[in-house]
Amino acid sequence: MASIDLDKVLDKAWAEKSLPEILAAPVAALKGVSDRDGELLEEAFGVKTVADLADLKFARWAQALAALAAAK
């Protein structure tokens, strides 16, 4: 089973929220992502929530390429 330290990846206000709340949160809930970054992601890719970002095909493609490179 996968696990993650939410304090390391979420802004403090979101660290105690449930997973469904986090996935529905604006991308600025992620540590290091500003409100402006969120606005730019929405303008460029239609990404509004953490779930949208996780489902972004470009992010999935980049992860797949990085996994392939690591497997060599």
Protein backbone atom coordinates (compact mmCIF):
# COMPACT_ATOMS: atom_id res chain seq x y z
CA MET A 1 0.00 0.00 0.00
CA ALA A 2 1.35 3.43 -0.93
CA SER A 3 1.66 6.17 1.66
CA ILE A 4 2.66 9.80 1.68
CA ASP A 5 3.56 12.34 4.36
CA LEU A 6 0.83 14.92 3.76
CA ASP A 7 2.72 17.55 5.77
CA LYS A 8 5.43 17.45 3.11
CA VAL A 9 3.15 17.89 0.10
CA LEU A 10 0.26 20.04 1.34
CA ASP A 11 -0.05 23.51 2.75
CA LYS A 12 -0.66 23.34 6.49
CA ALA A 13 -4.37 24.20 6.16
CA TRP A 14 -4.97 21.08 4.07
CA ALA A 15 -2.84 18.49 5.90
CA GLU A 16 -5.69 17.31 8.17
CA LYS A 17 -8.36 17.15 5.45
CA SER A 18 -9.80 13.94 4.06
CA LEU A 19 -8.53 12.55 0.77
CA PRO A 20 -11.75 13.49 -1.08
CA GLU A 21 -11.43 17.06 0.24
CA ILE A 22 -7.79 17.23 -0.84
CA LEU A 23 -8.55 15.94 -4.33
CA ALA A 24 -11.31 18.55 -4.69
CA ALA A 25 -9.04 21.31 -3.36
CA PRO A 26 -7.53 23.98 -5.58
CA VAL A 27 -4.01 23.12 -6.76
CA ALA A 28 -2.69 25.85 -4.47
CA ALA A 29 -3.35 23.39 -1.61
CA LEU A 30 -0.13 21.69 -2.74
CA LYS A 31 2.98 22.97 -0.99
CA GLY A 32 4.89 25.29 -3.31
CA VAL A 33 1.98 26.01 -5.66
CA SER A 34 0.78 29.60 -5.35
CA ASP A 35 -2.67 30.94 -6.10
CA ARG A 36 -1.17 32.54 -9.23
CA ASP A 37 0.31 29.19 -10.28
CA GLY A 38 -3.17 27.74 -9.92
CA GLU A 39 -4.63 30.48 -12.08
CA LEU A 40 -2.01 29.82 -14.76
CA LEU A 41 -2.66 26.07 -14.69
CA GLU A 42 -6.36 26.74 -15.13
CA GLU A 43 -5.77 29.14 -18.01
CA ALA A 44 -3.32 26.81 -19.79
CA PHE A 45 -4.81 23.39 -19.12
CA GLY A 46 -8.20 23.82 -17.44
CA VAL A 47 -6.77 22.44 -14.19
CA LYS A 48 -8.75 23.63 -11.17
CA THR A 49 -8.26 20.92 -8.54
CA VAL A 50 -5.61 18.56 -7.25
CA ALA A 51 -7.52 15.73 -8.97
CA ASP A 52 -7.47 17.65 -12.26
CA LEU A 53 -3.70 18.04 -11.98
CA ALA A 54 -3.26 14.32 -11.25
CA ASP A 55 -5.34 13.49 -14.31
CA LEU A 56 -3.56 15.94 -16.62
CA LYS A 57 -2.39 13.87 -19.57
CA PHE A 58 0.83 15.87 -19.91
CA ALA A 59 1.77 15.12 -16.30
CA ARG A 60 1.01 11.41 -16.81
CA TRP A 61 3.11 11.36 -19.98
CA ALA A 62 6.03 13.04 -18.21
CA GLN A 63 5.79 10.56 -15.32
CA ALA A 64 5.76 7.64 -17.74
CA LEU A 65 8.84 8.95 -19.56
CA ALA A 66 10.67 9.49 -16.26
CA ALA A 67 9.77 5.93 -15.15
CA LEU A 68 11.10 4.54 -18.44
CA ALA A 69 14.35 6.45 -18.02
CA ALA A 70 14.74 5.22 -14.44
CA ALA A 71 14.17 1.62 -15.52
CA LYS A 72 17.19 1.66 -17.87
